[in-house]
Amino acid sequence: MQANNPADSRVVLKFGGAAPEYSSDIYSYHLDYEQKIAKRPGYQLYGLNRTKVRGHEAVEWEFEWRAPEGRRYVRSVYWRTAGIEYFVYAHAPAGRWGEFAPVLDAMLENATP
């Protein structure tokens, strides 16, 4: 699912889940995918770390890049349970990220399972 902020379409929230199409562990998959994203102009990695979400294996990924419309800040959290990989994801103009970081935190706090 995707929700765009009606007041600023440059702010995007995504959440969902699906069975992974790959057999690698969650961290290895996102580490490999990060190498592809790292080719974006002005890419700057802030963190790609193993973590836990309600006791489940998870990955938290934060970065910025230079999109055609300006610098974008991205934060996402992915976790797996019962054969499904779930995620919460947000991106916004880098200069406005502080306004939306709490929204992603609330999404993660209230996401189930």
C-alpha atoms as a PDB file:
ATOM      1  CA  MET A   1       0.000   0.000   0.000  1.00  0.00           C
ATOM      2  CA  GLN A   2       1.156   3.531  -0.674  1.00  0.00           C
ATOM      3  CA  ALA A   3      -0.083   6.786   0.787  1.00  0.00           C
ATOM      4  CA  ASN A   4       1.015  10.167  -0.510  1.00  0.00           C
ATOM      5  CA  ASN A   5       0.704  13.196   1.724  1.00  0.00           C
ATOM      6  CA  PRO A   6      -2.154  15.252   0.212  1.00  0.00           C
ATOM      7  CA  ALA A   7      -0.427  18.468   1.294  1.00  0.00           C
ATOM      8  CA  ASP A   8       2.909  17.468  -0.295  1.00  0.00           C
ATOM      9  CA  SER A   9       3.012  14.611  -2.815  1.00  0.00           C
ATOM     10  CA  ARG A  10       6.782  14.383  -2.351  1.00  0.00           C
ATOM     11  CA  VAL A  11       6.122  12.678   1.007  1.00  0.00           C
ATOM     12  CA  VAL A  12       5.360   8.987   0.507  1.00  0.00           C
ATOM     13  CA  LEU A  13       4.572   6.231   2.998  1.00  0.00           C
ATOM     14  CA  LYS A  14       4.465   2.573   2.035  1.00  0.00           C
ATOM     15  CA  PHE A  15       3.643  -0.550   3.988  1.00  0.00           C
ATOM     16  CA  GLY A  16       2.827  -4.124   3.214  1.00  0.00           C
ATOM     17  CA  GLY A  17       4.056  -7.658   3.072  1.00  0.00           C
ATOM     18  CA  ALA A  18       4.542 -10.592   0.737  1.00  0.00           C
ATOM     19  CA  ALA A  19       6.320 -13.911   0.555  1.00  0.00           C
ATOM     20  CA  PRO A  20       9.956 -13.259  -0.399  1.00  0.00           C
ATOM     21  CA  GLU A  21      10.934 -14.336  -3.897  1.00  0.00           C
ATOM     22  CA  TYR A  22      14.497 -15.120  -2.795  1.00  0.00           C
ATOM     23  CA  SER A  23      15.993 -17.687  -0.490  1.00  0.00           C
ATOM     24  CA  SER A  24      18.749 -15.564   1.061  1.00  0.00           C
ATOM     25  CA  ASP A  25      18.444 -14.268   4.584  1.00  0.00           C
ATOM     26  CA  ILE A  26      16.802 -10.867   4.970  1.00  0.00           C
ATOM     27  CA  TYR A  27      20.023  -8.973   5.688  1.00  0.00           C
ATOM     28  CA  SER A  28      21.960 -10.498   2.771  1.00  0.00           C
ATOM     29  CA  TYR A  29      19.138  -9.670   0.369  1.00  0.00           C
ATOM     30  CA  HIS A  30      18.918  -6.022   1.429  1.00  0.00           C
ATOM     31  CA  LEU A  31      22.700  -5.676   1.501  1.00  0.00           C
ATOM     32  CA  ASP A  32      22.784  -6.873  -2.114  1.00  0.00           C
ATOM     33  CA  TYR A  33      19.903  -4.565  -3.084  1.00  0.00           C
ATOM     34  CA  GLU A  34      21.661  -1.629  -1.406  1.00  0.00           C
ATOM     35  CA  GLN A  35      24.542  -2.067  -3.858  1.00  0.00           C
ATOM     36  CA  LYS A  36      22.104  -1.357  -6.715  1.00  0.00           C
ATOM     37  CA  ILE A  37      20.552   1.671  -4.999  1.00  0.00           C
ATOM     38  CA  ALA A  38      24.036   2.988  -4.164  1.00  0.00           C
ATOM     39  CA  LYS A  39      24.453   3.829  -7.864  1.00  0.00           C
ATOM     40  CA  ARG A  40      21.844   6.588  -7.613  1.00  0.00           C
ATOM     41  CA  PRO A  41      23.230  10.121  -7.913  1.00  0.00           C
ATOM     42  CA  GLY A  42      24.409  11.596  -4.626  1.00  0.00           C
ATOM     43  CA  TYR A  43      23.657   8.409  -2.672  1.00  0.00           C
ATOM     44  CA  GLN A  44      24.675   8.597   0.980  1.00  0.00           C
ATOM     45  CA  LEU A  45      24.152   5.609   3.266  1.00  0.00           C
ATOM     46  CA  TYR A  46      23.304   6.379   6.906  1.00  0.00           C
ATOM     47  CA  GLY A  47      22.719   2.830   8.014  1.00  0.00           C
ATOM     48  CA  LEU A  48      21.835  -0.673   6.882  1.00  0.00           C
ATOM     49  CA  ASN A  49      21.609  -2.647  10.082  1.00  0.00           C
ATOM     50  CA  ARG A  50      20.294  -5.882  11.451  1.00  0.00           C
ATOM     51  CA  THR A  51      17.643  -5.339  14.084  1.00  0.00           C
ATOM     52  CA  LYS A  52      14.560  -6.986  15.572  1.00  0.00           C
ATOM     53  CA  VAL A  53      10.900  -6.088  15.185  1.00  0.00           C
ATOM     54  CA  ARG A  54       8.826  -7.676  17.919  1.00  0.00           C
ATOM     55  CA  GLY A  55      11.430 -10.432  18.171  1.00  0.00           C
ATOM     56  CA  HIS A  56      11.600 -11.106  14.423  1.00  0.00           C
ATOM     57  CA  GLU A  57      14.716 -10.844  12.253  1.00  0.00           C
ATOM     58  CA  ALA A  58      14.710  -7.404  10.624  1.00  0.00           C
ATOM     59  CA  VAL A  59      16.721  -4.827   8.684  1.00  0.00           C
ATOM     60  CA  GLU A  60      16.615  -1.049   9.058  1.00  0.00           C
ATOM     61  CA  TRP A  61      17.906   1.001   6.122  1.00  0.00           C
ATOM     62  CA  GLU A  62      18.378   4.785   5.948  1.00  0.00           C
ATOM     63  CA  PHE A  63      19.865   6.812   3.124  1.00  0.00           C
ATOM     64  CA  GLU A  64      19.656   9.991   1.068  1.00  0.00           C
ATOM     65  CA  TRP A  65      20.007  10.474  -2.639  1.00  0.00           C
ATOM     66  CA  ARG A  66      19.683  13.235  -5.198  1.00  0.00           C
ATOM     67  CA  ALA A  67      16.381  12.667  -7.002  1.00  0.00           C
ATOM     68  CA  PRO A  68      15.377  14.801 -10.004  1.00  0.00           C
ATOM     69  CA  GLU A  69      13.138  16.872  -7.689  1.00  0.00           C
ATOM     70  CA  GLY A  70      15.876  17.322  -5.029  1.00  0.00           C
ATOM     71  CA  ARG A  71      17.491  15.486  -2.107  1.00  0.00           C
ATOM     72  CA  ARG A  72      15.345  12.657  -0.735  1.00  0.00           C
ATOM     73  CA  TYR A  73      15.628  11.020   2.668  1.00  0.00           C
ATOM     74  CA  VAL A  74      14.514   7.380   2.860  1.00  0.00           C
ATOM     75  CA  ARG A  75      14.017   5.141   5.879  1.00  0.00           C
ATOM     76  CA  SER A  76      12.614   1.634   5.748  1.00  0.00           C
ATOM     77  CA  VAL A  77      12.317  -1.339   8.053  1.00  0.00           C
ATOM     78  CA  TYR A  78      11.803  -4.905   6.803  1.00  0.00           C
ATOM     79  CA  TRP A  79      11.060  -7.958   8.943  1.00  0.00           C
ATOM     80  CA  ARG A  80      10.071 -11.559   8.355  1.00  0.00           C
ATOM     81  CA  THR A  81       7.706 -13.845  10.163  1.00  0.00           C
ATOM     82  CA  ALA A  82       5.732 -16.941   9.153  1.00  0.00           C
ATOM     83  CA  GLY A  83       7.123 -16.869   5.603  1.00  0.00           C
ATOM     84  CA  ILE A  84       6.166 -13.232   4.913  1.00  0.00           C
ATOM     85  CA  GLU A  85       8.442 -10.200   4.661  1.00  0.00           C
ATOM     86  CA  TYR A  86       6.709  -7.094   5.998  1.00  0.00           C
ATOM     87  CA  PHE A  87       7.876  -3.516   5.632  1.00  0.00           C
ATOM     88  CA  VAL A  88       7.251   0.096   6.484  1.00  0.00           C
ATOM     89  CA  TYR A  89       8.890   2.719   4.268  1.00  0.00           C
ATOM     90  CA  ALA A  90       8.889   6.499   4.049  1.00  0.00           C
ATOM     91  CA  HIS A  91      10.606   9.073   1.909  1.00  0.00           C
ATOM     92  CA  ALA A  92      10.438  12.840   1.950  1.00  0.00           C
ATOM     93  CA  PRO A  93      12.481  15.858   0.928  1.00  0.00           C
ATOM     94  CA  ALA A  94      15.664  15.655   2.996  1.00  0.00           C
ATOM     95  CA  GLY A  95      15.096  19.072   4.555  1.00  0.00           C
ATOM     96  CA  ARG A  96      11.669  18.012   5.830  1.00  0.00           C
ATOM     97  CA  TRP A  97      12.543  14.521   7.065  1.00  0.00           C
ATOM     98  CA  GLY A  98      12.357  15.542  10.733  1.00  0.00           C
ATOM     99  CA  GLU A  99       8.638  16.242  10.316  1.00  0.00           C
ATOM    100  CA  PHE A 100       7.909  12.739   9.034  1.00  0.00           C
ATOM    101  CA  ALA A 101      10.292  10.524  11.002  1.00  0.00           C
ATOM    102  CA  PRO A 102       7.715  10.221  13.829  1.00  0.00           C
ATOM    103  CA  VAL A 103       5.106   9.034  11.304  1.00  0.00           C
ATOM    104  CA  LEU A 104       7.320   6.121  10.265  1.00  0.00           C
ATOM    105  CA  ASP A 105       8.016   5.352  13.927  1.00  0.00           C
ATOM    106  CA  ALA A 106       4.265   5.218  14.603  1.00  0.00           C
ATOM    107  CA  MET A 107       3.713   2.987  11.568  1.00  0.00           C
ATOM    108  CA  LEU A 108       6.358   0.568  12.797  1.00  0.00           C
ATOM    109  CA  GLU A 109       5.032   0.634  16.353  1.00  0.00           C
ATOM    110  CA  ASN A 110       1.507  -0.212  15.206  1.00  0.00           C
ATOM    111  CA  ALA A 111       2.262  -2.610  12.339  1.00  0.00           C
ATOM    112  CA  THR A 112       1.458  -6.232  12.930  1.00  0.00           C
ATOM    113  CA  PRO A 113       2.554  -8.939  13.115  1.00  0.00           C
END
